[in-house]
Amino acid sequence: MAIEGTASRKVLVKFARKCREVEWEALLRHLIPQLGGPGVIIQIDESNTKGDVDLEESDGFLGFLIPSMNPLDLICKYLKEFMWRRWHGEPHPNGSFGRLMQDIAEQYPL
């Protein structure tokens, strides 16, 4: 789909940002599935966490592609959206779009 005009792009960017805000609020309102529980042991493999990487100091491709945005902010935004889709959007009978419409209606009742 081609987007014509700057105003249309700005509207879509604002709409996408608002959708992410609704998704994040929904994550905070609804319980997120819990790992483990009584009598259940969870094993974590720290070798996959790459905790020693300093993204703020990194000159990786994220900083190259979007020099005006902090890579940590970008990663957090995408991580929040991923969590919402995985835990709330995918299991919904009408998929992610149906869940988004439900969350919008819940947060902005008429």
PDB file of N, CA and C in Angstrom:
ATOM      1  N   MET A   1       0.848  -1.174   0.000  1.00  0.00           N
ATOM      2  CA  MET A   1       0.000   0.000   0.000  1.00  0.00           C
ATOM      3  C   MET A   1       0.891   1.233   0.000  1.00  0.00           C
ATOM      4  N   ALA A   2       0.708   2.084  -0.941  1.00  0.00           N
ATOM      5  CA  ALA A   2       1.498   3.320  -1.017  1.00  0.00           C
ATOM      6  C   ALA A   2       0.854   4.390  -0.155  1.00  0.00           C
ATOM      7  N   ILE A   3       1.697   5.107   0.553  1.00  0.00           N
ATOM      8  CA  ILE A   3       1.216   6.204   1.402  1.00  0.00           C
ATOM      9  C   ILE A   3       1.605   7.499   0.734  1.00  0.00           C
ATOM     10  N   GLU A   4       0.621   8.312   0.450  1.00  0.00           N
ATOM     11  CA  GLU A   4       0.899   9.578  -0.218  1.00  0.00           C
ATOM     12  C   GLU A   4       0.831  10.714   0.777  1.00  0.00           C
ATOM     13  N   GLY A   5       1.820  11.569   0.712  1.00  0.00           N
ATOM     14  CA  GLY A   5       1.805  12.772   1.537  1.00  0.00           C
ATOM     15  C   GLY A   5       2.408  12.570   2.904  1.00  0.00           C
ATOM     16  N   THR A   6       2.988  13.636   3.408  1.00  0.00           N
ATOM     17  CA  THR A   6       3.627  13.605   4.717  1.00  0.00           C
ATOM     18  C   THR A   6       2.607  13.479   5.836  1.00  0.00           C
ATOM     19  N   ALA A   7       1.469  14.120   5.685  1.00  0.00           N
ATOM     20  CA  ALA A   7       0.454  14.083   6.748  1.00  0.00           C
ATOM     21  C   ALA A   7      -0.007  12.652   7.008  1.00  0.00           C
ATOM     22  N   SER A   8      -0.174  11.868   5.963  1.00  0.00           N
ATOM     23  CA  SER A   8      -0.615  10.483   6.131  1.00  0.00           C
ATOM     24  C   SER A   8       0.416   9.675   6.906  1.00  0.00           C
ATOM     25  N   ARG A   9       1.686   9.873   6.600  1.00  0.00           N
ATOM     26  CA  ARG A   9       2.743   9.165   7.322  1.00  0.00           C
ATOM     27  C   ARG A   9       2.738   9.550   8.789  1.00  0.00           C
ATOM     28  N   LYS A  10       2.603  10.823   9.060  1.00  0.00           N
ATOM     29  CA  LYS A  10       2.590  11.289  10.446  1.00  0.00           C
ATOM     30  C   LYS A  10       1.424  10.689  11.211  1.00  0.00           C
ATOM     31  N   VAL A  11       0.272  10.617  10.583  1.00  0.00           N
ATOM     32  CA  VAL A  11      -0.909  10.030  11.229  1.00  0.00           C
ATOM     33  C   VAL A  11      -0.665   8.559  11.531  1.00  0.00           C
ATOM     34  N   LEU A  12      -0.097   7.827  10.575  1.00  0.00           N
ATOM     35  CA  LEU A  12       0.161   6.409  10.796  1.00  0.00           C
ATOM     36  C   LEU A  12       1.203   6.172  11.876  1.00  0.00           C
ATOM     37  N   VAL A  13       2.221   7.016  11.933  1.00  0.00           N
ATOM     38  CA  VAL A  13       3.236   6.887  12.984  1.00  0.00           C
ATOM     39  C   VAL A  13       2.616   7.143  14.348  1.00  0.00           C
ATOM     40  N   LYS A  14       1.777   8.173  14.435  1.00  0.00           N
ATOM     41  CA  LYS A  14       1.104   8.467  15.715  1.00  0.00           C
ATOM     42  C   LYS A  14       0.156   7.339  16.102  1.00  0.00           C
ATOM     43  N   PHE A  15      -0.552   6.770  15.120  1.00  0.00           N
ATOM     44  CA  PHE A  15      -1.465   5.672  15.401  1.00  0.00           C
ATOM     45  C   PHE A  15      -0.700   4.450  15.900  1.00  0.00           C
ATOM     46  N   ALA A  16       0.426   4.126  15.259  1.00  0.00           N
ATOM     47  CA  ALA A  16       1.237   2.988  15.690  1.00  0.00           C
ATOM     48  C   ALA A  16       1.764   3.206  17.098  1.00  0.00           C
ATOM     49  N   ARG A  17       2.191   4.432  17.409  1.00  0.00           N
ATOM     50  CA  ARG A  17       2.683   4.746  18.752  1.00  0.00           C
ATOM     51  C   ARG A  17       1.568   4.574  19.782  1.00  0.00           C
ATOM     52  N   LYS A  18       0.364   5.040  19.441  1.00  0.00           N
ATOM     53  CA  LYS A  18      -0.770   4.919  20.365  1.00  0.00           C
ATOM     54  C   LYS A  18      -1.148   3.450  20.565  1.00  0.00           C
ATOM     55  N   CYS A  19      -1.070   2.650  19.498  1.00  0.00           N
ATOM     56  CA  CYS A  19      -1.354   1.219  19.625  1.00  0.00           C
ATOM     57  C   CYS A  19      -0.372   0.561  20.584  1.00  0.00           C
ATOM     58  N   ARG A  20       0.906   0.941  20.490  1.00  0.00           N
ATOM     59  CA  ARG A  20       1.902   0.381  21.413  1.00  0.00           C
ATOM     60  C   ARG A  20       1.608   0.792  22.848  1.00  0.00           C
ATOM     61  N   GLU A  21       1.146   2.031  23.043  1.00  0.00           N
ATOM     62  CA  GLU A  21       0.786   2.475  24.399  1.00  0.00           C
ATOM     63  C   GLU A  21      -0.379   1.652  24.933  1.00  0.00           C
ATOM     64  N   VAL A  22      -1.372   1.395  24.097  1.00  0.00           N
ATOM     65  CA  VAL A  22      -2.522   0.578  24.505  1.00  0.00           C
ATOM     66  C   VAL A  22      -2.059  -0.834  24.850  1.00  0.00           C
ATOM     67  N   GLU A  23      -1.173  -1.393  24.030  1.00  0.00           N
ATOM     68  CA  GLU A  23      -0.663  -2.736  24.293  1.00  0.00           C
ATOM     69  C   GLU A  23       0.086  -2.796  25.624  1.00  0.00           C
ATOM     70  N   TRP A  24       0.923  -1.805  25.886  1.00  0.00           N
ATOM     71  CA  TRP A  24       1.687  -1.796  27.133  1.00  0.00           C
ATOM     72  C   TRP A  24       0.753  -1.666  28.330  1.00  0.00           C
ATOM     73  N   GLU A  25      -0.244  -0.806  28.242  1.00  0.00           N
ATOM     74  CA  GLU A  25      -1.211  -0.652  29.332  1.00  0.00           C
ATOM     75  C   GLU A  25      -1.961  -1.963  29.564  1.00  0.00           C
ATOM     76  N   ALA A  26      -2.290  -2.671  28.480  1.00  0.00           N
ATOM     77  CA  ALA A  26      -2.972  -3.965  28.608  1.00  0.00           C
ATOM     78  C   ALA A  26      -2.076  -4.979  29.308  1.00  0.00           C
ATOM     79  N   LEU A  27      -0.772  -4.954  29.001  1.00  0.00           N
ATOM     80  CA  LEU A  27       0.151  -5.861  29.690  1.00  0.00           C
ATOM     81  C   LEU A  27       0.181  -5.573  31.181  1.00  0.00           C
ATOM     82  N   LEU A  28       0.113  -4.301  31.534  1.00  0.00           N
ATOM     83  CA  LEU A  28       0.155  -3.935  32.949  1.00  0.00           C
ATOM     84  C   LEU A  28      -1.154  -4.271  33.666  1.00  0.00           C
ATOM     85  N   ARG A  29      -2.279  -4.205  32.946  1.00  0.00           N
ATOM     86  CA  ARG A  29      -3.587  -4.475  33.552  1.00  0.00           C
ATOM     87  C   ARG A  29      -3.854  -5.964  33.747  1.00  0.00           C
ATOM     88  N   HIS A  30      -3.424  -6.761  32.793  1.00  0.00           N
ATOM     89  CA  HIS A  30      -3.743  -8.184  32.812  1.00  0.00           C
ATOM     90  C   HIS A  30      -2.529  -8.983  33.271  1.00  0.00           C
ATOM     91  N   LEU A  31      -2.798 -10.021  33.992  1.00  0.00           N
ATOM     92  CA  LEU A  31      -1.710 -10.853  34.496  1.00  0.00           C
ATOM     93  C   LEU A  31      -0.943 -11.492  33.351  1.00  0.00           C
ATOM     94  N   ILE A  32       0.361 -11.474  33.469  1.00  0.00           N
ATOM     95  CA  ILE A  32       1.233 -12.115  32.501  1.00  0.00           C
ATOM     96  C   ILE A  32       1.469 -13.540  32.986  1.00  0.00           C
ATOM     97  N   PRO A  33       1.455 -14.515  32.079  1.00  0.00           N
ATOM     98  CA  PRO A  33       1.679 -15.898  32.510  1.00  0.00           C
ATOM     99  C   PRO A  33       2.955 -16.023  33.339  1.00  0.00           C
ATOM    100  N   GLN A  34       2.841 -16.761  34.401  1.00  0.00           N
ATOM    101  CA  GLN A  34       3.955 -16.931  35.345  1.00  0.00           C
ATOM    102  C   GLN A  34       4.776 -18.153  34.975  1.00  0.00           C
ATOM    103  N   LEU A  35       6.075 -18.005  35.062  1.00  0.00           N
ATOM    104  CA  LEU A  35       6.962 -19.150  34.889  1.00  0.00           C
ATOM    105  C   LEU A  35       7.095 -19.865  36.221  1.00  0.00           C
ATOM    106  N   GLY A  36       7.102 -21.154  36.180  1.00  0.00           N
ATOM    107  CA  GLY A  36       7.315 -21.912  37.410  1.00  0.00           C
ATOM    108  C   GLY A  36       6.079 -21.957  38.281  1.00  0.00           C
ATOM    109  N   GLY A  37       6.306 -22.022  39.576  1.00  0.00           N
ATOM    110  CA  GLY A  37       5.236 -22.131  40.550  1.00  0.00           C
ATOM    111  C   GLY A  37       5.685 -23.031  41.678  1.00  0.00           C
ATOM    112  N   PRO A  38       4.791 -23.328  42.622  1.00  0.00           N
ATOM    113  CA  PRO A  38       5.172 -24.190  43.732  1.00  0.00           C
ATOM    114  C   PRO A  38       5.630 -25.560  43.241  1.00  0.00           C
ATOM    115  N   GLY A  39       6.834 -25.943  43.661  1.00  0.00           N
ATOM    116  CA  GLY A  39       7.372 -27.246  43.309  1.00  0.00           C
ATOM    117  C   GLY A  39       7.950 -27.352  41.913  1.00  0.00           C
ATOM    118  N   VAL A  40       7.997 -26.237  41.161  1.00  0.00           N
ATOM    119  CA  VAL A  40       8.529 -26.260  39.802  1.00  0.00           C
ATOM    120  C   VAL A  40       9.852 -25.505  39.786  1.00  0.00           C
ATOM    121  N   ILE A  41      10.879 -26.126  39.233  1.00  0.00           N
ATOM    122  CA  ILE A  41      12.199 -25.503  39.155  1.00  0.00           C
ATOM    123  C   ILE A  41      12.429 -25.011  37.733  1.00  0.00           C
ATOM    124  N   ILE A  42      12.834 -23.743  37.611  1.00  0.00           N
ATOM    125  CA  ILE A  42      13.133 -23.151  36.318  1.00  0.00           C
ATOM    126  C   ILE A  42      14.647 -23.026  36.193  1.00  0.00           C
ATOM    127  N   GLN A  43      15.194 -23.539  35.104  1.00  0.00           N
ATOM    128  CA  GLN A  43      16.634 -23.433  34.859  1.00  0.00           C
ATOM    129  C   GLN A  43      16.866 -22.355  33.813  1.00  0.00           C
ATOM    130  N   ILE A  44      17.800 -21.449  34.090  1.00  0.00           N
ATOM    131  CA  ILE A  44      18.125 -20.360  33.178  1.00  0.00           C
ATOM    132  C   ILE A  44      19.544 -20.559  32.670  1.00  0.00           C
ATOM    133  N   ASP A  45      19.695 -20.479  31.357  1.00  0.00           N
ATOM    134  CA  ASP A  45      21.019 -20.601  30.753  1.00  0.00           C
ATOM    135  C   ASP A  45      21.568 -19.196  30.535  1.00  0.00           C
ATOM    136  N   GLU A  46      22.474 -18.775  31.421  1.00  0.00           N
ATOM    137  CA  GLU A  46      23.007 -17.417  31.356  1.00  0.00           C
ATOM    138  C   GLU A  46      23.860 -17.170  30.122  1.00  0.00           C
ATOM    139  N   SER A  47      24.323 -18.225  29.482  1.00  0.00           N
ATOM    140  CA  SER A  47      25.188 -18.019  28.314  1.00  0.00           C
ATOM    141  C   SER A  47      24.441 -17.365  27.161  1.00  0.00           C
ATOM    142  N   ASN A  48      23.107 -17.421  27.174  1.00  0.00           N
ATOM    143  CA  ASN A  48      22.324 -16.811  26.104  1.00  0.00           C
ATOM    144  C   ASN A  48      21.887 -15.387  26.413  1.00  0.00           C
ATOM    145  N   THR A  49      22.171 -14.873  27.596  1.00  0.00           N
ATOM    146  CA  THR A  49      21.679 -13.546  27.956  1.00  0.00           C
ATOM    147  C   THR A  49      22.553 -12.430  27.424  1.00  0.00           C
ATOM    148  N   LYS A  50      23.849 -12.681  27.120  1.00  0.00           N
ATOM    149  CA  LYS A  50      24.769 -11.665  26.584  1.00  0.00           C
ATOM    150  C   LYS A  50      24.713 -10.395  27.395  1.00  0.00           C
ATOM    151  N   GLY A  51      24.709 -10.515  28.745  1.00  0.00           N
ATOM    152  CA  GLY A  51      24.578  -9.376  29.650  1.00  0.00           C
ATOM    153  C   GLY A  51      25.765  -8.445  29.656  1.00  0.00           C
ATOM    154  N   ASP A  52      26.891  -8.855  29.086  1.00  0.00           N
ATOM    155  CA  ASP A  52      28.067  -7.997  29.117  1.00  0.00           C
ATOM    156  C   ASP A  52      28.123  -7.026  27.943  1.00  0.00           C
ATOM    157  N   VAL A  53      27.115  -7.036  27.068  1.00  0.00           N
ATOM    158  CA  VAL A  53      27.096  -6.119  25.930  1.00  0.00           C
ATOM    159  C   VAL A  53      26.508  -4.789  26.375  1.00  0.00           C
ATOM    160  N   ASP A  54      27.244  -3.711  26.149  1.00  0.00           N
ATOM    161  CA  ASP A  54      26.771  -2.373  26.490  1.00  0.00           C
ATOM    162  C   ASP A  54      26.186  -1.734  25.242  1.00  0.00           C
ATOM    163  N   LEU A  55      24.847  -1.752  25.134  1.00  0.00           N
ATOM    164  CA  LEU A  55      24.198  -1.257  23.926  1.00  0.00           C
ATOM    165  C   LEU A  55      24.344   0.249  23.750  1.00  0.00           C
ATOM    166  N   GLU A  56      24.471   0.979  24.845  1.00  0.00           N
ATOM    167  CA  GLU A  56      24.624   2.425  24.716  1.00  0.00           C
ATOM    168  C   GLU A  56      25.962   2.782  24.097  1.00  0.00           C
ATOM    169  N   GLU A  57      26.996   1.988  24.368  1.00  0.00           N
ATOM    170  CA  GLU A  57      28.329   2.254  23.837  1.00  0.00           C
ATOM    171  C   GLU A  57      28.510   1.631  22.456  1.00  0.00           C
ATOM    172  N   SER A  58      27.593   0.754  22.074  1.00  0.00           N
ATOM    173  CA  SER A  58      27.733  -0.015  20.846  1.00  0.00           C
ATOM    174  C   SER A  58      27.566   0.855  19.612  1.00  0.00           C
ATOM    175  N   ASP A  59      28.343   0.564  18.578  1.00  0.00           N
ATOM    176  CA  ASP A  59      28.187   1.215  17.282  1.00  0.00           C
ATOM    177  C   ASP A  59      27.552   0.248  16.305  1.00  0.00           C
ATOM    178  N   GLY A  60      26.633  -0.567  16.790  1.00  0.00           N
ATOM    179  CA  GLY A  60      26.000  -1.595  15.981  1.00  0.00           C
ATOM    180  C   GLY A  60      25.097  -1.019  14.921  1.00  0.00           C
ATOM    181  N   PHE A  61      24.437  -1.915  14.211  1.00  0.00           N
ATOM    182  CA  PHE A  61      23.620  -1.484  13.084  1.00  0.00           C
ATOM    183  C   PHE A  61      22.419  -0.650  13.507  1.00  0.00           C
ATOM    184  N   LEU A  62      21.912  -0.833  14.739  1.00  0.00           N
ATOM    185  CA  LEU A  62      20.774  -0.022  15.172  1.00  0.00           C
ATOM    186  C   LEU A  62      21.130   1.453  15.202  1.00  0.00           C
ATOM    187  N   GLY A  63      22.279   1.771  15.754  1.00  0.00           N
ATOM    188  CA  GLY A  63      22.709   3.163  15.793  1.00  0.00           C
ATOM    189  C   GLY A  63      22.965   3.714  14.409  1.00  0.00           C
ATOM    190  N   PHE A  64      23.403   2.840  13.492  1.00  0.00           N
ATOM    191  CA  PHE A  64      23.667   3.275  12.123  1.00  0.00           C
ATOM    192  C   PHE A  64      22.370   3.581  11.397  1.00  0.00           C
ATOM    193  N   LEU A  65      21.372   2.726  11.591  1.00  0.00           N
ATOM    194  CA  LEU A  65      20.102   2.905  10.879  1.00  0.00           C
ATOM    195  C   LEU A  65      19.288   4.055  11.437  1.00  0.00           C
ATOM    196  N   ILE A  66      19.302   4.210  12.748  1.00  0.00           N
ATOM    197  CA  ILE A  66      18.469   5.230  13.386  1.00  0.00           C
ATOM    198  C   ILE A  66      19.343   6.047  14.327  1.00  0.00           C
ATOM    199  N   PRO A  67      20.123   6.975  13.798  1.00  0.00           N
ATOM    200  CA  PRO A  67      21.071   7.689  14.648  1.00  0.00           C
ATOM    201  C   PRO A  67      20.408   8.588  15.691  1.00  0.00           C
ATOM    202  N   SER A  68      19.177   9.029  15.452  1.00  0.00           N
ATOM    203  CA  SER A  68      18.545   9.949  16.394  1.00  0.00           C
ATOM    204  C   SER A  68      17.821   9.237  17.534  1.00  0.00           C
ATOM    205  N   MET A  69      17.739   7.903  17.491  1.00  0.00           N
ATOM    206  CA  MET A  69      17.011   7.175  18.517  1.00  0.00           C
ATOM    207  C   MET A  69      17.972   6.331  19.341  1.00  0.00           C
ATOM    208  N   ASN A  70      17.795   6.345  20.634  1.00  0.00           N
ATOM    209  CA  ASN A  70      18.591   5.511  21.527  1.00  0.00           C
ATOM    210  C   ASN A  70      18.256   4.041  21.254  1.00  0.00           C
ATOM    211  N   PRO A  71      19.256   3.205  20.954  1.00  0.00           N
ATOM    212  CA  PRO A  71      18.979   1.790  20.672  1.00  0.00           C
ATOM    213  C   PRO A  71      18.243   1.081  21.803  1.00  0.00           C
ATOM    214  N   LEU A  72      18.492   1.467  23.047  1.00  0.00           N
ATOM    215  CA  LEU A  72      17.786   0.827  24.167  1.00  0.00           C
ATOM    216  C   LEU A  72      16.301   1.136  24.136  1.00  0.00           C
ATOM    217  N   ASP A  73      15.945   2.380  23.789  1.00  0.00           N
ATOM    218  CA  ASP A  73      14.527   2.738  23.673  1.00  0.00           C
ATOM    219  C   ASP A  73      13.851   1.918  22.589  1.00  0.00           C
ATOM    220  N   LEU A  74      14.530   1.772  21.462  1.00  0.00           N
ATOM    221  CA  LEU A  74      13.981   1.018  20.346  1.00  0.00           C
ATOM    222  C   LEU A  74      13.781  -0.442  20.732  1.00  0.00           C
ATOM    223  N   ILE A  75      14.763  -1.027  21.378  1.00  0.00           N
ATOM    224  CA  ILE A  75      14.673  -2.424  21.801  1.00  0.00           C
ATOM    225  C   ILE A  75      13.535  -2.598  22.798  1.00  0.00           C
ATOM    226  N   CYS A  76      13.391  -1.682  23.746  1.00  0.00           N
ATOM    227  CA  CYS A  76      12.304  -1.774  24.734  1.00  0.00           C
ATOM    228  C   CYS A  76      10.942  -1.710  24.059  1.00  0.00           C
ATOM    229  N   LYS A  77      10.780  -0.819  23.089  1.00  0.00           N
ATOM    230  CA  LYS A  77       9.496  -0.705  22.386  1.00  0.00           C
ATOM    231  C   LYS A  77       9.144  -2.000  21.680  1.00  0.00           C
ATOM    232  N   TYR A  78      10.104  -2.576  20.974  1.00  0.00           N
ATOM    233  CA  TYR A  78       9.829  -3.813  20.258  1.00  0.00           C
ATOM    234  C   TYR A  78       9.627  -4.984  21.209  1.00  0.00           C
ATOM    235  N   LEU A  79      10.334  -5.003  22.312  1.00  0.00           N
ATOM    236  CA  LEU A  79      10.161  -6.063  23.295  1.00  0.00           C
ATOM    237  C   LEU A  79       8.768  -6.010  23.911  1.00  0.00           C
ATOM    238  N   LYS A  80       8.293  -4.818  24.250  1.00  0.00           N
ATOM    239  CA  LYS A  80       6.937  -4.679  24.801  1.00  0.00           C
ATOM    240  C   LYS A  80       5.901  -5.170  23.800  1.00  0.00           C
ATOM    241  N   GLU A  81       6.068  -4.783  22.544  1.00  0.00           N
ATOM    242  CA  GLU A  81       5.108  -5.215  21.529  1.00  0.00           C
ATOM    243  C   GLU A  81       5.153  -6.728  21.350  1.00  0.00           C
ATOM    244  N   PHE A  82       6.358  -7.306  21.361  1.00  0.00           N
ATOM    245  CA  PHE A  82       6.495  -8.752  21.245  1.00  0.00           C
ATOM    246  C   PHE A  82       5.799  -9.462  22.396  1.00  0.00           C
ATOM    247  N   MET A  83       5.997  -8.964  23.628  1.00  0.00           N
ATOM    248  CA  MET A  83       5.367  -9.592  24.800  1.00  0.00           C
ATOM    249  C   MET A  83       3.852  -9.539  24.674  1.00  0.00           C
ATOM    250  N   TRP A  84       3.317  -8.396  24.269  1.00  0.00           N
ATOM    251  CA  TRP A  84       1.864  -8.263  24.138  1.00  0.00           C
ATOM    252  C   TRP A  84       1.336  -9.243  23.088  1.00  0.00           C
ATOM    253  N   ARG A  85       2.001  -9.269  21.929  1.00  0.00           N
ATOM    254  CA  ARG A  85       1.547 -10.175  20.870  1.00  0.00           C
ATOM    255  C   ARG A  85       1.590 -11.630  21.329  1.00  0.00           C
ATOM    256  N   ARG A  86       2.669 -12.010  21.991  1.00  0.00           N
ATOM    257  CA  ARG A  86       2.872 -13.398  22.399  1.00  0.00           C
ATOM    258  C   ARG A  86       1.884 -13.825  23.482  1.00  0.00           C
ATOM    259  N   TRP A  87       1.683 -12.973  24.489  1.00  0.00           N
ATOM    260  CA  TRP A  87       0.876 -13.359  25.647  1.00  0.00           C
ATOM    261  C   TRP A  87      -0.589 -12.976  25.539  1.00  0.00           C
ATOM    262  N   HIS A  88      -0.901 -11.965  24.744  1.00  0.00           N
ATOM    263  CA  HIS A  88      -2.300 -11.522  24.665  1.00  0.00           C
ATOM    264  C   HIS A  88      -2.879 -11.588  23.257  1.00  0.00           C
ATOM    265  N   GLY A  89      -2.077 -11.272  22.246  1.00  0.00           N
ATOM    266  CA  GLY A  89      -2.592 -11.222  20.881  1.00  0.00           C
ATOM    267  C   GLY A  89      -2.786 -12.580  20.239  1.00  0.00           C
ATOM    268  N   GLU A  90      -1.754 -13.415  20.282  1.00  0.00           N
ATOM    269  CA  GLU A  90      -1.827 -14.721  19.611  1.00  0.00           C
ATOM    270  C   GLU A  90      -2.910 -15.638  20.171  1.00  0.00           C
ATOM    271  N   PRO A  91      -3.077 -15.716  21.515  1.00  0.00           N
ATOM    272  CA  PRO A  91      -4.100 -16.633  22.038  1.00  0.00           C
ATOM    273  C   PRO A  91      -5.539 -16.146  21.825  1.00  0.00           C
ATOM    274  N   HIS A  92      -5.734 -14.888  21.459  1.00  0.00           N
ATOM    275  CA  HIS A  92      -7.082 -14.343  21.297  1.00  0.00           C
ATOM    276  C   HIS A  92      -7.775 -15.018  20.114  1.00  0.00           C
ATOM    277  N   PRO A  93      -9.071 -15.339  20.256  1.00  0.00           N
ATOM    278  CA  PRO A  93      -9.786 -16.019  19.169  1.00  0.00           C
ATOM    279  C   PRO A  93      -9.751 -15.250  17.849  1.00  0.00           C
ATOM    280  N   ASN A  94      -9.705 -13.930  17.902  1.00  0.00           N
ATOM    281  CA  ASN A  94      -9.658 -13.116  16.687  1.00  0.00           C
ATOM    282  C   ASN A  94      -8.251 -12.600  16.387  1.00  0.00           C
ATOM    283  N   GLY A  95      -7.242 -13.183  17.003  1.00  0.00           N
ATOM    284  CA  GLY A  95      -5.862 -12.804  16.733  1.00  0.00           C
ATOM    285  C   GLY A  95      -5.476 -11.472  17.365  1.00  0.00           C
ATOM    286  N   SER A  96      -4.323 -10.984  16.967  1.00  0.00           N
ATOM    287  CA  SER A  96      -3.771  -9.756  17.543  1.00  0.00           C
ATOM    288  C   SER A  96      -4.662  -8.549  17.292  1.00  0.00           C
ATOM    289  N   PHE A  97      -5.219  -8.454  16.079  1.00  0.00           N
ATOM    290  CA  PHE A  97      -6.064  -7.303  15.772  1.00  0.00           C
ATOM    291  C   PHE A  97      -7.315  -7.297  16.642  1.00  0.00           C
ATOM    292  N   GLY A  98      -7.937  -8.461  16.793  1.00  0.00           N
ATOM    293  CA  GLY A  98      -9.125  -8.549  17.644  1.00  0.00           C
ATOM    294  C   GLY A  98      -8.810  -8.185  19.086  1.00  0.00           C
ATOM    295  N   ARG A  99      -7.654  -8.636  19.572  1.00  0.00           N
ATOM    296  CA  ARG A  99      -7.258  -8.304  20.950  1.00  0.00           C
ATOM    297  C   ARG A  99      -6.970  -6.812  21.086  1.00  0.00           C
ATOM    298  N   LEU A 100      -6.331  -6.216  20.068  1.00  0.00           N
ATOM    299  CA  LEU A 100      -6.055  -4.777  20.112  1.00  0.00           C
ATOM    300  C   LEU A 100      -7.362  -3.999  20.183  1.00  0.00           C
ATOM    301  N   MET A 101      -8.348  -4.389  19.385  1.00  0.00           N
ATOM    302  CA  MET A 101      -9.649  -3.703  19.420  1.00  0.00           C
ATOM    303  C   MET A 101     -10.304  -3.861  20.793  1.00  0.00           C
ATOM    304  N   GLN A 102     -10.182  -5.032  21.384  1.00  0.00           N
ATOM    305  CA  GLN A 102     -10.734  -5.275  22.724  1.00  0.00           C
ATOM    306  C   GLN A 102     -10.027  -4.395  23.754  1.00  0.00           C
ATOM    307  N   ASP A 103      -8.689  -4.295  23.678  1.00  0.00           N
ATOM    308  CA  ASP A 103      -7.933  -3.469  24.625  1.00  0.00           C
ATOM    309  C   ASP A 103      -8.250  -1.992  24.465  1.00  0.00           C
ATOM    310  N   ILE A 104      -8.431  -1.539  23.223  1.00  0.00           N
ATOM    311  CA  ILE A 104      -8.805  -0.134  22.993  1.00  0.00           C
ATOM    312  C   ILE A 104     -10.167   0.141  23.608  1.00  0.00           C
ATOM    313  N   ALA A 105     -11.137  -0.762  23.363  1.00  0.00           N
ATOM    314  CA  ALA A 105     -12.477  -0.583  23.920  1.00  0.00           C
ATOM    315  C   ALA A 105     -12.458  -0.601  25.456  1.00  0.00           C
ATOM    316  N   GLU A 106     -11.587  -1.415  26.027  1.00  0.00           N
ATOM    317  CA  GLU A 106     -11.480  -1.493  27.484  1.00  0.00           C
ATOM    318  C   GLU A 106     -10.867  -0.222  28.069  1.00  0.00           C
ATOM    319  N   GLN A 107      -9.854   0.304  27.420  1.00  0.00           N
ATOM    320  CA  GLN A 107      -9.172   1.476  27.941  1.00  0.00           C
ATOM    321  C   GLN A 107      -9.876   2.787  27.608  1.00  0.00           C
ATOM    322  N   TYR A 108     -10.670   2.796  26.536  1.00  0.00           N
ATOM    323  CA  TYR A 108     -11.379   4.002  26.133  1.00  0.00           C
ATOM    324  C   TYR A 108     -12.859   3.683  25.940  1.00  0.00           C
ATOM    325  N   PRO A 109     -13.579   3.392  27.031  1.00  0.00           N
ATOM    326  CA  PRO A 109     -14.991   3.034  26.889  1.00  0.00           C
ATOM    327  C   PRO A 109     -15.813   4.234  26.413  1.00  0.00           C
ATOM    328  N   LEU A 110     -16.848   3.938  25.671  1.00  0.00           N
ATOM    329  CA  LEU A 110     -17.742   5.005  25.156  1.00  0.00           C
ATOM    330  C   LEU A 110     -18.729   5.428  26.201  1.00  0.00           C
TER     331      LEU A 110
END
